[in-house]
Structure formats: C-alpha cells, structure tokens
Amino acid sequence: MLYDLHTFEPIDSSYVAVQGYENRVTVNVRVNATAIDDLPESGATPTQEQRTAFVRHNMDAIRVIAEKKLERGDAKPEDSHGRPVLGVRISGADFEEYLRQPGNRFSYGAFGPRLQTKWVGSNGRFT
C-alpha cells in the first residue's frame, strides 16, 4: 500500500509530481498533464496550479490507480538524486479505467470558476 503521498514541484509542466512510499521504497508518480487537460470538466486549458489542485483533491483516486499499476508491475526503476526509486506514470487511459469502476469518481473542484476582479478608480468599485 502506498502511504505518505504528497505533491511536489515537477521538473516540467508536462505532469503533476506525486511522491509516496511502498515498503520503504520511494515511489514517484507522474500524472500526465494531458490526462488532466482531456477531462471535459477541466475546460481543456487548466493551469499547472489547477492540475496540482486536481491531483490533491483526488489523492485517494491517484493512490488507487498507482497501486493498481504497481500490482501489475507497471512501475519502472528510476534514479532520483542518486537513489533508486520506482516510477509510475498515470495517463488518460488509467483515468478512464478508474472511472469505469462502479462508485469511482473524481472531484472537479479545482476547475471551478475563479473570481477575477480588478480595482477601478478611487471610488472602490470592482468589475
């Protein structure tokens, strides 16, 4: 079982980085950005902050998906700062497989409307 899952700053914006541990082995999970972008609820152009928030809001689902991939042997050995780790990549196909299971769903709160206001003049009015 994966434990202590948390997001961290990725090397690039092509994925959201999650790290956890299984049996004292570090597991780096990369959630593909296009998998998130392709969700109809994302609006097709989420920011990296919204992608990260989506992963945080759905950490239990990410755990289930990553654990299934680990069970299947879909993890690859990687090097992380000179230490051996396991790498797991989550794609849109993994999201689809997860959502096909009865009762599984995602939280889409990360993609909710954002209040965008700006100050207008000295009268204190917002637009």
N, C-alpha and C. Protein backbone atom coordinates (compact mmCIF):
# COMPACT_ATOMS: atom_id res chain seq x y z
N MET A 1 0.84 -1.18 0.00
CA MET A 1 0.00 0.00 0.00
C MET A 1 0.88 1.24 0.00
N LEU A 2 0.51 2.21 -0.82
CA LEU A 2 1.22 3.48 -0.87
C LEU A 2 0.79 4.34 0.32
N TYR A 3 1.76 4.98 0.95
CA TYR A 3 1.44 5.87 2.05
C TYR A 3 2.26 7.15 1.93
N ASP A 4 1.85 8.15 2.67
CA ASP A 4 2.51 9.46 2.70
C ASP A 4 2.60 10.10 1.32
N LEU A 5 1.52 9.98 0.54
CA LEU A 5 1.50 10.61 -0.78
C LEU A 5 1.42 12.13 -0.64
N HIS A 6 2.23 12.82 -1.42
CA HIS A 6 2.21 14.28 -1.43
C HIS A 6 2.72 14.76 -2.79
N THR A 7 2.23 15.93 -3.19
CA THR A 7 2.69 16.52 -4.44
C THR A 7 3.98 17.28 -4.17
N PHE A 8 4.77 17.44 -5.22
CA PHE A 8 5.96 18.27 -5.14
C PHE A 8 6.20 18.91 -6.50
N GLU A 9 7.07 19.88 -6.55
CA GLU A 9 7.32 20.65 -7.77
C GLU A 9 7.93 19.76 -8.84
N PRO A 10 7.28 19.65 -10.01
CA PRO A 10 7.83 18.81 -11.08
C PRO A 10 8.96 19.53 -11.82
N ILE A 11 9.74 18.75 -12.55
CA ILE A 11 10.81 19.31 -13.36
C ILE A 11 10.23 20.16 -14.49
N ASP A 12 9.13 19.72 -15.07
CA ASP A 12 8.47 20.50 -16.13
C ASP A 12 6.96 20.38 -15.97
N SER A 13 6.24 21.11 -16.79
CA SER A 13 4.78 21.17 -16.63
C SER A 13 4.05 20.08 -17.40
N SER A 14 4.74 19.06 -17.88
CA SER A 14 4.07 18.00 -18.62
C SER A 14 3.40 16.98 -17.69
N TYR A 15 3.58 17.15 -16.37
CA TYR A 15 2.98 16.24 -15.41
C TYR A 15 2.86 16.91 -14.05
N VAL A 16 2.07 16.27 -13.19
CA VAL A 16 2.00 16.65 -11.79
C VAL A 16 2.74 15.56 -11.03
N ALA A 17 3.68 15.97 -10.20
CA ALA A 17 4.54 15.03 -9.49
C ALA A 17 3.97 14.70 -8.11
N VAL A 18 3.92 13.41 -7.82
CA VAL A 18 3.44 12.91 -6.53
C VAL A 18 4.49 11.91 -6.04
N GLN A 19 4.75 11.96 -4.75
CA GLN A 19 5.70 11.00 -4.19
C GLN A 19 5.08 10.31 -3.00
N GLY A 20 5.40 9.05 -2.85
CA GLY A 20 4.93 8.27 -1.72
C GLY A 20 5.89 7.13 -1.47
N TYR A 21 5.47 6.22 -0.63
CA TYR A 21 6.34 5.11 -0.25
C TYR A 21 5.53 3.82 -0.21
N GLU A 22 6.20 2.75 -0.62
CA GLU A 22 5.62 1.42 -0.51
C GLU A 22 6.73 0.50 -0.02
N ASN A 23 6.51 -0.11 1.14
CA ASN A 23 7.52 -1.00 1.72
C ASN A 23 8.90 -0.34 1.78
N ARG A 24 8.94 0.89 2.24
CA ARG A 24 10.19 1.66 2.41
C ARG A 24 10.85 2.05 1.10
N VAL A 25 10.19 1.83 -0.01
CA VAL A 25 10.72 2.21 -1.32
C VAL A 25 10.00 3.47 -1.76
N THR A 26 10.77 4.46 -2.20
CA THR A 26 10.18 5.70 -2.71
C THR A 26 9.53 5.42 -4.06
N VAL A 27 8.31 5.92 -4.22
CA VAL A 27 7.58 5.78 -5.48
C VAL A 27 7.26 7.18 -5.99
N ASN A 28 7.77 7.50 -7.18
CA ASN A 28 7.46 8.77 -7.83
C ASN A 28 6.36 8.53 -8.85
N VAL A 29 5.25 9.21 -8.67
CA VAL A 29 4.10 9.09 -9.57
C VAL A 29 4.03 10.36 -10.41
N ARG A 30 3.92 10.19 -11.71
CA ARG A 30 3.77 11.32 -12.62
C ARG A 30 2.39 11.23 -13.26
N VAL A 31 1.55 12.21 -12.93
CA VAL A 31 0.21 12.27 -13.52
C VAL A 31 0.33 13.15 -14.76
N ASN A 32 0.15 12.55 -15.92
CA ASN A 32 0.31 13.25 -17.18
C ASN A 32 -0.63 14.45 -17.27
N ALA A 33 -0.08 15.62 -17.61
CA ALA A 33 -0.89 16.84 -17.71
C ALA A 33 -1.99 16.70 -18.75
N THR A 34 -1.71 16.03 -19.87
CA THR A 34 -2.75 15.89 -20.89
C THR A 34 -3.89 15.02 -20.41
N ALA A 35 -3.62 14.08 -19.51
CA ALA A 35 -4.71 13.26 -18.94
C ALA A 35 -5.68 14.16 -18.19
N ILE A 36 -5.15 15.13 -17.47
CA ILE A 36 -6.00 16.07 -16.73
C ILE A 36 -6.68 17.03 -17.70
N ASP A 37 -5.90 17.56 -18.65
CA ASP A 37 -6.44 18.52 -19.62
C ASP A 37 -7.57 17.92 -20.45
N ASP A 38 -7.50 16.61 -20.73
CA ASP A 38 -8.50 15.95 -21.56
C ASP A 38 -9.81 15.66 -20.85
N LEU A 39 -9.85 15.86 -19.53
CA LEU A 39 -11.11 15.69 -18.81
C LEU A 39 -12.05 16.82 -19.23
N PRO A 40 -13.27 16.50 -19.66
CA PRO A 40 -14.19 17.56 -20.10
C PRO A 40 -14.39 18.65 -19.05
N GLU A 41 -14.35 18.28 -17.79
CA GLU A 41 -14.60 19.23 -16.71
C GLU A 41 -13.44 20.21 -16.51
N SER A 42 -12.29 19.94 -17.11
CA SER A 42 -11.12 20.81 -16.92
C SER A 42 -11.19 22.08 -17.74
N GLY A 43 -12.05 22.11 -18.75
CA GLY A 43 -12.11 23.27 -19.62
C GLY A 43 -11.00 23.28 -20.66
N ALA A 44 -10.22 22.22 -20.74
CA ALA A 44 -9.17 21.97 -21.74
C ALA A 44 -7.91 22.81 -21.56
N THR A 45 -7.94 23.86 -20.73
CA THR A 45 -6.74 24.68 -20.56
C THR A 45 -6.48 25.02 -19.10
N PRO A 46 -6.42 24.01 -18.24
CA PRO A 46 -6.15 24.32 -16.84
C PRO A 46 -4.71 24.79 -16.64
N THR A 47 -4.51 25.56 -15.61
CA THR A 47 -3.16 25.98 -15.25
C THR A 47 -2.46 24.85 -14.50
N GLN A 48 -1.17 24.97 -14.34
CA GLN A 48 -0.43 23.95 -13.57
C GLN A 48 -0.94 23.93 -12.13
N GLU A 49 -1.32 25.08 -11.59
CA GLU A 49 -1.87 25.13 -10.24
C GLU A 49 -3.19 24.37 -10.15
N GLN A 50 -4.03 24.50 -11.18
CA GLN A 50 -5.30 23.77 -11.19
C GLN A 50 -5.05 22.26 -11.34
N ARG A 51 -4.08 21.88 -12.16
CA ARG A 51 -3.75 20.46 -12.29
C ARG A 51 -3.29 19.89 -10.95
N THR A 52 -2.42 20.64 -10.28
CA THR A 52 -1.92 20.18 -8.98
C THR A 52 -3.06 20.10 -7.97
N ALA A 53 -3.95 21.09 -7.98
CA ALA A 53 -5.10 21.06 -7.07
C ALA A 53 -6.00 19.87 -7.38
N PHE A 54 -6.20 19.57 -8.67
CA PHE A 54 -7.00 18.40 -9.05
C PHE A 54 -6.40 17.14 -8.45
N VAL A 55 -5.09 16.97 -8.57
CA VAL A 55 -4.42 15.78 -8.02
C VAL A 55 -4.57 15.75 -6.50
N ARG A 56 -4.39 16.89 -5.85
CA ARG A 56 -4.53 16.93 -4.39
C ARG A 56 -5.95 16.58 -3.96
N HIS A 57 -6.95 17.10 -4.67
CA HIS A 57 -8.35 16.82 -4.34
C HIS A 57 -8.70 15.35 -4.56
N ASN A 58 -7.93 14.69 -5.43
CA ASN A 58 -8.22 13.31 -5.80
C ASN A 58 -7.11 12.34 -5.41
N MET A 59 -6.43 12.65 -4.32
CA MET A 59 -5.27 11.85 -3.92
C MET A 59 -5.65 10.39 -3.64
N ASP A 60 -6.84 10.14 -3.11
CA ASP A 60 -7.25 8.75 -2.88
C ASP A 60 -7.38 8.00 -4.21
N ALA A 61 -7.94 8.66 -5.22
CA ALA A 61 -8.06 8.03 -6.54
C ALA A 61 -6.68 7.81 -7.16
N ILE A 62 -5.79 8.78 -7.02
CA ILE A 62 -4.43 8.64 -7.54
C ILE A 62 -3.74 7.46 -6.85
N ARG A 63 -3.96 7.32 -5.56
CA ARG A 63 -3.39 6.20 -4.81
C ARG A 63 -3.89 4.86 -5.38
N VAL A 64 -5.21 4.75 -5.59
CA VAL A 64 -5.80 3.52 -6.12
C VAL A 64 -5.20 3.20 -7.50
N ILE A 65 -5.13 4.19 -8.36
CA ILE A 65 -4.60 3.98 -9.71
C ILE A 65 -3.13 3.56 -9.64
N ALA A 66 -2.34 4.26 -8.85
CA ALA A 66 -0.91 3.95 -8.74
C ALA A 66 -0.69 2.56 -8.14
N GLU A 67 -1.46 2.22 -7.12
CA GLU A 67 -1.32 0.89 -6.51
C GLU A 67 -1.64 -0.21 -7.51
N LYS A 68 -2.66 0.00 -8.32
CA LYS A 68 -3.02 -1.00 -9.34
C LYS A 68 -1.87 -1.16 -10.34
N LYS A 69 -1.26 -0.05 -10.73
CA LYS A 69 -0.14 -0.12 -11.66
C LYS A 69 1.06 -0.82 -11.03
N LEU A 70 1.29 -0.58 -9.75
CA LEU A 70 2.37 -1.27 -9.04
C LEU A 70 2.10 -2.77 -8.99
N GLU A 71 0.86 -3.16 -8.70
CA GLU A 71 0.49 -4.57 -8.64
C GLU A 71 0.71 -5.26 -9.98
N ARG A 72 0.44 -4.55 -11.07
CA ARG A 72 0.60 -5.10 -12.41
C ARG A 72 2.06 -5.15 -12.86
N GLY A 73 2.92 -4.51 -12.10
CA GLY A 73 4.33 -4.45 -12.50
C GLY A 73 4.61 -3.35 -13.50
N ASP A 74 3.74 -2.32 -13.53
CA ASP A 74 3.91 -1.22 -14.48
C ASP A 74 4.84 -0.13 -13.99
N ALA A 75 5.50 -0.33 -12.85
CA ALA A 75 6.46 0.66 -12.34
C ALA A 75 7.83 0.37 -12.96
N LYS A 76 8.59 1.43 -13.16
CA LYS A 76 9.92 1.28 -13.74
C LYS A 76 10.95 1.80 -12.74
N PRO A 77 12.08 1.10 -12.60
CA PRO A 77 13.15 1.61 -11.73
C PRO A 77 13.70 2.93 -12.29
N GLU A 78 13.92 3.88 -11.41
CA GLU A 78 14.45 5.18 -11.79
C GLU A 78 15.50 5.60 -10.78
N ASP A 79 16.23 6.64 -11.14
CA ASP A 79 17.21 7.23 -10.24
C ASP A 79 16.71 8.61 -9.84
N SER A 80 16.69 8.88 -8.56
CA SER A 80 16.27 10.19 -8.06
C SER A 80 17.35 10.72 -7.13
N HIS A 81 18.15 11.64 -7.67
CA HIS A 81 19.24 12.23 -6.90
C HIS A 81 20.17 11.17 -6.34
N GLY A 82 20.50 10.18 -7.17
CA GLY A 82 21.41 9.13 -6.78
C GLY A 82 20.80 7.99 -5.99
N ARG A 83 19.48 8.04 -5.76
CA ARG A 83 18.80 6.97 -5.02
C ARG A 83 17.86 6.21 -5.96
N PRO A 84 17.80 4.90 -5.80
CA PRO A 84 16.86 4.13 -6.64
C PRO A 84 15.43 4.33 -6.15
N VAL A 85 14.53 4.56 -7.08
CA VAL A 85 13.11 4.73 -6.79
C VAL A 85 12.32 3.97 -7.85
N LEU A 86 11.02 3.84 -7.62
CA LEU A 86 10.12 3.30 -8.64
C LEU A 86 9.34 4.45 -9.25
N GLY A 87 9.18 4.42 -10.56
CA GLY A 87 8.42 5.44 -11.26
C GLY A 87 7.14 4.87 -11.83
N VAL A 88 6.04 5.58 -11.59
CA VAL A 88 4.73 5.18 -12.11
C VAL A 88 4.16 6.36 -12.89
N ARG A 89 3.70 6.10 -14.08
CA ARG A 89 3.09 7.15 -14.91
C ARG A 89 1.60 6.88 -15.04
N ILE A 90 0.81 7.93 -14.81
CA ILE A 90 -0.65 7.82 -14.92
C ILE A 90 -1.09 8.61 -16.14
N SER A 91 -1.85 7.93 -16.99
CA SER A 91 -2.31 8.52 -18.26
C SER A 91 -3.83 8.64 -18.27
N GLY A 92 -4.33 9.18 -19.35
CA GLY A 92 -5.77 9.28 -19.54
C GLY A 92 -6.45 7.93 -19.54
N ALA A 93 -5.79 6.91 -20.11
CA ALA A 93 -6.35 5.56 -20.11
C ALA A 93 -6.53 5.04 -18.68
N ASP A 94 -5.60 5.40 -17.80
CA ASP A 94 -5.72 4.99 -16.39
C ASP A 94 -6.91 5.68 -15.73
N PHE A 95 -7.13 6.97 -16.06
CA PHE A 95 -8.30 7.68 -15.54
C PHE A 95 -9.58 7.00 -16.02
N GLU A 96 -9.63 6.66 -17.32
CA GLU A 96 -10.81 6.01 -17.88
C GLU A 96 -11.09 4.68 -17.19
N GLU A 97 -10.05 3.89 -16.99
CA GLU A 97 -10.21 2.60 -16.32
C GLU A 97 -10.75 2.79 -14.90
N TYR A 98 -10.21 3.77 -14.18
CA TYR A 98 -10.65 4.05 -12.82
C TYR A 98 -12.13 4.45 -12.80
N LEU A 99 -12.52 5.33 -13.71
CA LEU A 99 -13.90 5.84 -13.73
C LEU A 99 -14.91 4.78 -14.17
N ARG A 100 -14.47 3.74 -14.87
CA ARG A 100 -15.39 2.66 -15.28
C ARG A 100 -15.82 1.79 -14.11
N GLN A 101 -15.09 1.83 -13.02
CA GLN A 101 -15.43 1.01 -11.86
C GLN A 101 -16.61 1.65 -11.12
N PRO A 102 -17.61 0.88 -10.74
CA PRO A 102 -18.77 1.43 -10.05
C PRO A 102 -18.35 2.18 -8.77
N GLY A 103 -18.92 3.35 -8.63
CA GLY A 103 -18.69 4.16 -7.44
C GLY A 103 -17.46 5.06 -7.51
N ASN A 104 -16.61 4.86 -8.49
CA ASN A 104 -15.41 5.69 -8.61
C ASN A 104 -15.75 6.98 -9.34
N ARG A 105 -15.25 8.07 -8.81
CA ARG A 105 -15.43 9.36 -9.47
C ARG A 105 -14.33 10.30 -9.00
N PHE A 106 -14.23 11.42 -9.67
CA PHE A 106 -13.25 12.45 -9.33
C PHE A 106 -13.96 13.67 -8.78
N SER A 107 -13.23 14.45 -8.02
CA SER A 107 -13.68 15.79 -7.62
C SER A 107 -13.13 16.76 -8.66
N TYR A 108 -13.99 17.63 -9.16
CA TYR A 108 -13.57 18.60 -10.17
C TYR A 108 -13.54 20.02 -9.61
N GLY A 109 -13.51 20.15 -8.30
CA GLY A 109 -13.50 21.46 -7.65
C GLY A 109 -12.34 22.34 -8.07
N ALA A 110 -11.24 21.75 -8.48
CA ALA A 110 -10.07 22.52 -8.89
C ALA A 110 -10.33 23.34 -10.14
N PHE A 111 -11.37 22.97 -10.90
CA PHE A 111 -11.66 23.65 -12.16
C PHE A 111 -12.84 24.61 -12.04
N GLY A 112 -13.30 24.87 -10.83
CA GLY A 112 -14.44 25.76 -10.63
C GLY A 112 -14.15 27.16 -11.12
N PRO A 113 -15.20 27.94 -11.30
CA PRO A 113 -14.99 29.32 -11.76
C PRO A 113 -14.19 30.11 -10.73
N ARG A 114 -13.28 30.88 -11.25
CA ARG A 114 -12.46 31.73 -10.39
C ARG A 114 -12.99 33.15 -10.47
N LEU A 115 -13.07 33.78 -9.33
CA LEU A 115 -13.50 35.17 -9.27
C LEU A 115 -12.34 36.04 -9.71
N GLN A 116 -12.52 36.75 -10.81
CA GLN A 116 -11.48 37.64 -11.29
C GLN A 116 -12.03 39.06 -11.24
N THR A 117 -11.47 39.82 -10.35
CA THR A 117 -11.89 41.21 -10.22
C THR A 117 -10.68 42.10 -10.33
N LYS A 118 -10.92 43.34 -10.68
CA LYS A 118 -9.83 44.30 -10.64
C LYS A 118 -10.37 45.63 -10.16
N TRP A 119 -9.52 46.36 -9.56
CA TRP A 119 -9.86 47.64 -8.96
C TRP A 119 -10.11 48.67 -10.05
N VAL A 120 -11.15 49.47 -9.89
CA VAL A 120 -11.45 50.52 -10.85
C VAL A 120 -11.52 51.83 -10.10
N GLY A 121 -10.61 52.71 -10.40
CA GLY A 121 -10.64 54.06 -9.84
C GLY A 121 -10.56 54.15 -8.33
N SER A 122 -10.79 55.35 -7.86
CA SER A 122 -10.70 55.62 -6.42
C SER A 122 -12.07 55.47 -5.73
N ASN A 123 -13.11 55.12 -6.50
CA ASN A 123 -14.43 55.00 -5.91
C ASN A 123 -14.64 53.66 -5.20
N GLY A 124 -13.66 52.76 -5.31
CA GLY A 124 -13.76 51.48 -4.59
C GLY A 124 -14.61 50.45 -5.28
N ARG A 125 -14.97 50.65 -6.52
CA ARG A 125 -15.79 49.68 -7.24
C ARG A 125 -14.93 48.63 -7.94
N PHE A 126 -15.48 47.41 -7.92
CA PHE A 126 -14.84 46.32 -8.63
C PHE A 126 -15.64 45.98 -9.87
N THR A 127 -14.98 45.45 -10.87
CA THR A 127 -15.69 44.99 -12.06
C THR A 127 -15.54 43.50 -12.20
